[in-house]
Amino acid sequence: MEFRSYMALALEEARAAGGRDEVPVGAVIVAPNGEVVARAGNQTRETNDPTAHAEILAIRAACAVGGSERLGGHHLYVTLEPCAMCAAAIAAARIERLYYAASDPKSGGVAQGARVFARPQTHHVPQIYDGIAASESEALLRDFFAKRR
């Protein structure tokens, strides 16, 4: 099967989140058949919910579509390295592949910081691919925070 990236859709979600004054992070979940089953951008500020990260919202929506708490065979595309909370949710949902754009030295939980998937307590570790559209995601984040300073 030929690889197709869905990071452009995640970047659309990130731009939309930024337009709502949310940190511009977007996520897309793709089913094994290539169908996009969920898309989300951060909503922590608009919902007053610290758990309303793009990844969590997309996982919730994809689970609702599939009628299961497990997303085996699904792929998650996200514009920023997931934090420890989101990495734990990715493991719990049994997502097969994680693709992320920009690294997050401050709050990342995959290659930085907590490194959730490297812990022996983690029951499921997805295949991880980083750096896809990293420069575009980094620019979105840099511009967003520059405007806030």
C-alpha atoms as a PDB file:
ATOM      1  CA  MET A   1       0.000   0.000   0.000  1.00  0.00           C
ATOM      2  CA  GLU A   2       1.343   3.416  -0.954  1.00  0.00           C
ATOM      3  CA  PHE A   3       1.943   5.950   1.833  1.00  0.00           C
ATOM      4  CA  ARG A   4      -0.271   9.026   1.841  1.00  0.00           C
ATOM      5  CA  SER A   5       0.222  11.776   4.396  1.00  0.00           C
ATOM      6  CA  TYR A   6      -2.757  13.448   6.025  1.00  0.00           C
ATOM      7  CA  MET A   7      -0.635  16.094   7.739  1.00  0.00           C
ATOM      8  CA  ALA A   8      -2.068  18.839   5.488  1.00  0.00           C
ATOM      9  CA  LEU A   9      -5.488  18.175   7.049  1.00  0.00           C
ATOM     10  CA  ALA A  10      -3.968  18.334  10.538  1.00  0.00           C
ATOM     11  CA  LEU A  11      -2.371  21.664   9.607  1.00  0.00           C
ATOM     12  CA  GLU A  12      -5.816  22.943   8.489  1.00  0.00           C
ATOM     13  CA  GLU A  13      -7.141  22.051  11.936  1.00  0.00           C
ATOM     14  CA  ALA A  14      -4.160  23.779  13.562  1.00  0.00           C
ATOM     15  CA  ARG A  15      -4.775  26.968  11.556  1.00  0.00           C
ATOM     16  CA  ALA A  16      -8.465  26.893  12.515  1.00  0.00           C
ATOM     17  CA  ALA A  17      -7.527  26.476  16.192  1.00  0.00           C
ATOM     18  CA  GLY A  18      -5.153  29.426  15.964  1.00  0.00           C
ATOM     19  CA  GLY A  19      -7.942  31.470  14.393  1.00  0.00           C
ATOM     20  CA  ARG A  20     -10.024  30.738  17.513  1.00  0.00           C
ATOM     21  CA  ASP A  21      -7.136  31.970  19.708  1.00  0.00           C
ATOM     22  CA  GLU A  22      -6.216  28.411  20.664  1.00  0.00           C
ATOM     23  CA  VAL A  23      -2.658  27.122  20.491  1.00  0.00           C
ATOM     24  CA  PRO A  24      -2.500  26.017  16.828  1.00  0.00           C
ATOM     25  CA  VAL A  25      -2.355  22.257  17.083  1.00  0.00           C
ATOM     26  CA  GLY A  26      -4.403  19.977  14.859  1.00  0.00           C
ATOM     27  CA  ALA A  27      -4.973  16.238  14.687  1.00  0.00           C
ATOM     28  CA  VAL A  28      -6.474  13.800  12.190  1.00  0.00           C
ATOM     29  CA  ILE A  29      -7.254  10.109  12.651  1.00  0.00           C
ATOM     30  CA  VAL A  30      -7.342   7.828   9.635  1.00  0.00           C
ATOM     31  CA  ALA A  31      -8.976   4.376   9.594  1.00  0.00           C
ATOM     32  CA  PRO A  32      -7.195   1.349   8.109  1.00  0.00           C
ATOM     33  CA  ASN A  33      -9.131   1.841   4.840  1.00  0.00           C
ATOM     34  CA  GLY A  34      -7.736   5.389   4.454  1.00  0.00           C
ATOM     35  CA  GLU A  35     -10.926   7.160   5.508  1.00  0.00           C
ATOM     36  CA  VAL A  36     -10.544  10.213   7.738  1.00  0.00           C
ATOM     37  CA  VAL A  37     -12.733   9.389  10.749  1.00  0.00           C
ATOM     38  CA  ALA A  38     -11.904  12.350  13.004  1.00  0.00           C
ATOM     39  CA  ARG A  39     -10.372  15.819  12.852  1.00  0.00           C
ATOM     40  CA  ALA A  40      -9.846  18.276  15.673  1.00  0.00           C
ATOM     41  CA  GLY A  41      -7.923  21.308  16.806  1.00  0.00           C
ATOM     42  CA  ASN A  42      -7.119  22.410  20.323  1.00  0.00           C
ATOM     43  CA  GLN A  43     -10.131  23.658  22.300  1.00  0.00           C
ATOM     44  CA  THR A  44      -8.736  24.102  25.800  1.00  0.00           C
ATOM     45  CA  ARG A  45      -9.527  27.805  26.065  1.00  0.00           C
ATOM     46  CA  GLU A  46     -12.936  27.814  24.412  1.00  0.00           C
ATOM     47  CA  THR A  47     -14.164  24.860  26.498  1.00  0.00           C
ATOM     48  CA  ASN A  48     -12.251  25.679  29.705  1.00  0.00           C
ATOM     49  CA  ASP A  49     -10.991  22.106  29.615  1.00  0.00           C
ATOM     50  CA  PRO A  50      -7.269  21.422  30.039  1.00  0.00           C
ATOM     51  CA  THR A  51      -7.736  17.983  28.462  1.00  0.00           C
ATOM     52  CA  ALA A  52      -9.238  19.352  25.212  1.00  0.00           C
ATOM     53  CA  HIS A  53      -6.041  18.849  23.228  1.00  0.00           C
ATOM     54  CA  ALA A  54      -6.438  18.127  19.512  1.00  0.00           C
ATOM     55  CA  GLU A  55      -5.311  14.508  19.950  1.00  0.00           C
ATOM     56  CA  ILE A  56      -7.739  13.782  22.795  1.00  0.00           C
ATOM     57  CA  LEU A  57     -10.669  15.329  20.917  1.00  0.00           C
ATOM     58  CA  ALA A  58      -9.824  13.378  17.763  1.00  0.00           C
ATOM     59  CA  ILE A  59      -9.460  10.119  19.710  1.00  0.00           C
ATOM     60  CA  ARG A  60     -12.837  10.667  21.399  1.00  0.00           C
ATOM     61  CA  ALA A  61     -14.513  11.369  18.059  1.00  0.00           C
ATOM     62  CA  ALA A  62     -12.886   8.382  16.307  1.00  0.00           C
ATOM     63  CA  CYS A  63     -13.873   6.053  19.145  1.00  0.00           C
ATOM     64  CA  ALA A  64     -17.461   7.304  18.912  1.00  0.00           C
ATOM     65  CA  VAL A  65     -17.486   6.670  15.153  1.00  0.00           C
ATOM     66  CA  GLY A  66     -16.084   3.172  15.600  1.00  0.00           C
ATOM     67  CA  GLY A  67     -18.142   2.322  18.647  1.00  0.00           C
ATOM     68  CA  SER A  68     -15.066   1.163  20.552  1.00  0.00           C
ATOM     69  CA  GLU A  69     -12.451   2.503  22.933  1.00  0.00           C
ATOM     70  CA  ARG A  70      -9.767   0.913  20.747  1.00  0.00           C
ATOM     71  CA  LEU A  71      -8.472   2.240  17.446  1.00  0.00           C
ATOM     72  CA  GLY A  72      -6.292  -0.632  16.285  1.00  0.00           C
ATOM     73  CA  GLY A  73      -5.035  -0.118  12.754  1.00  0.00           C
ATOM     74  CA  HIS A  74      -5.751   3.622  12.865  1.00  0.00           C
ATOM     75  CA  HIS A  75      -3.155   6.309  12.209  1.00  0.00           C
ATOM     76  CA  LEU A  76      -2.945   9.645  14.025  1.00  0.00           C
ATOM     77  CA  TYR A  77      -1.453  12.738  12.391  1.00  0.00           C
ATOM     78  CA  VAL A  78      -0.744  15.653  14.722  1.00  0.00           C
ATOM     79  CA  THR A  79       1.094  18.909  14.136  1.00  0.00           C
ATOM     80  CA  LEU A  80       3.002  18.898  17.434  1.00  0.00           C
ATOM     81  CA  GLU A  81       4.667  16.137  19.419  1.00  0.00           C
ATOM     82  CA  PRO A  82       2.028  14.827  21.846  1.00  0.00           C
ATOM     83  CA  CYS A  83       2.353  15.691  25.527  1.00  0.00           C
ATOM     84  CA  ALA A  84       2.478  12.936  28.144  1.00  0.00           C
ATOM     85  CA  MET A  85      -1.324  12.996  28.604  1.00  0.00           C
ATOM     86  CA  CYS A  86      -1.949  12.619  24.883  1.00  0.00           C
ATOM     87  CA  ALA A  87       0.751   9.962  24.486  1.00  0.00           C
ATOM     88  CA  ALA A  88      -0.921   7.921  27.243  1.00  0.00           C
ATOM     89  CA  ALA A  89      -4.286   8.280  25.472  1.00  0.00           C
ATOM     90  CA  ILE A  90      -2.695   7.175  22.177  1.00  0.00           C
ATOM     91  CA  ALA A  91      -1.361   4.072  23.915  1.00  0.00           C
ATOM     92  CA  ALA A  92      -4.703   3.352  25.603  1.00  0.00           C
ATOM     93  CA  ALA A  93      -6.535   3.677  22.277  1.00  0.00           C
ATOM     94  CA  ARG A  94      -4.034   1.284  20.666  1.00  0.00           C
ATOM     95  CA  ILE A  95      -3.373   3.597  17.718  1.00  0.00           C
ATOM     96  CA  GLU A  96      -1.124   1.790  15.250  1.00  0.00           C
ATOM     97  CA  ARG A  97       0.905   4.704  13.896  1.00  0.00           C
ATOM     98  CA  LEU A  98       1.664   8.182  15.174  1.00  0.00           C
ATOM     99  CA  TYR A  99       2.889  10.834  12.757  1.00  0.00           C
ATOM    100  CA  TYR A 100       3.814  14.204  14.209  1.00  0.00           C
ATOM    101  CA  ALA A 101       5.269  17.349  12.721  1.00  0.00           C
ATOM    102  CA  ALA A 102       7.134  19.582  15.167  1.00  0.00           C
ATOM    103  CA  SER A 103       9.049  18.412  18.215  1.00  0.00           C
ATOM    104  CA  ASP A 104       8.067  19.953  21.548  1.00  0.00           C
ATOM    105  CA  PRO A 105      11.129  20.346  23.790  1.00  0.00           C
ATOM    106  CA  LYS A 106       9.049  22.056  26.486  1.00  0.00           C
ATOM    107  CA  SER A 107       6.011  19.769  26.812  1.00  0.00           C
ATOM    108  CA  GLY A 108       6.552  16.787  24.525  1.00  0.00           C
ATOM    109  CA  GLY A 109       5.948  13.326  25.895  1.00  0.00           C
ATOM    110  CA  VAL A 110       7.190  11.130  23.043  1.00  0.00           C
ATOM    111  CA  ALA A 111      10.813  11.985  22.189  1.00  0.00           C
ATOM    112  CA  GLN A 112      11.157  14.687  24.855  1.00  0.00           C
ATOM    113  CA  GLY A 113      10.340  14.883  28.539  1.00  0.00           C
ATOM    114  CA  ALA A 114       8.322  11.948  29.878  1.00  0.00           C
ATOM    115  CA  ARG A 115       8.963   9.698  26.855  1.00  0.00           C
ATOM    116  CA  VAL A 116       5.791   7.773  27.620  1.00  0.00           C
ATOM    117  CA  PHE A 117       6.328   5.089  24.994  1.00  0.00           C
ATOM    118  CA  ALA A 118       9.738   4.195  26.420  1.00  0.00           C
ATOM    119  CA  ARG A 119       8.250   3.269  29.809  1.00  0.00           C
ATOM    120  CA  PRO A 120       7.797  -0.415  30.662  1.00  0.00           C
ATOM    121  CA  GLN A 121       4.330   0.415  32.045  1.00  0.00           C
ATOM    122  CA  THR A 122       3.129   1.407  28.576  1.00  0.00           C
ATOM    123  CA  HIS A 123       1.095  -1.507  27.243  1.00  0.00           C
ATOM    124  CA  HIS A 124       1.006  -0.379  23.613  1.00  0.00           C
ATOM    125  CA  VAL A 125       3.603   1.505  21.597  1.00  0.00           C
ATOM    126  CA  PRO A 126       2.625   2.855  18.187  1.00  0.00           C
ATOM    127  CA  GLN A 127       4.992   3.087  15.263  1.00  0.00           C
ATOM    128  CA  ILE A 128       6.282   6.673  15.421  1.00  0.00           C
ATOM    129  CA  TYR A 129       7.232   8.943  12.533  1.00  0.00           C
ATOM    130  CA  ASP A 130       8.277  12.519  13.260  1.00  0.00           C
ATOM    131  CA  GLY A 131       9.236  15.614  11.320  1.00  0.00           C
ATOM    132  CA  ILE A 132       6.499  15.487   8.652  1.00  0.00           C
ATOM    133  CA  ALA A 133       5.761  19.155   7.726  1.00  0.00           C
ATOM    134  CA  ALA A 134       7.725  20.212  10.806  1.00  0.00           C
ATOM    135  CA  SER A 135       8.788  23.595   9.434  1.00  0.00           C
ATOM    136  CA  GLU A 136       5.203  24.584   8.606  1.00  0.00           C
ATOM    137  CA  SER A 137       3.945  23.535  12.024  1.00  0.00           C
ATOM    138  CA  GLU A 138       6.831  25.300  13.763  1.00  0.00           C
ATOM    139  CA  ALA A 139       6.079  28.500  11.827  1.00  0.00           C
ATOM    140  CA  LEU A 140       2.391  28.377  12.877  1.00  0.00           C
ATOM    141  CA  LEU A 141       3.375  28.003  16.517  1.00  0.00           C
ATOM    142  CA  ARG A 142       6.136  30.627  16.359  1.00  0.00           C
ATOM    143  CA  ASP A 143       3.800  33.187  14.740  1.00  0.00           C
ATOM    144  CA  PHE A 144       1.010  32.465  17.224  1.00  0.00           C
ATOM    145  CA  PHE A 145       3.216  32.986  20.269  1.00  0.00           C
ATOM    146  CA  ALA A 146       5.012  36.003  18.767  1.00  0.00           C
ATOM    147  CA  LYS A 147       1.646  37.771  18.464  1.00  0.00           C
ATOM    148  CA  ARG A 148       0.864  37.031  22.107  1.00  0.00           C
ATOM    149  CA  ARG A 149       4.088  38.580  23.443  1.00  0.00           C
END
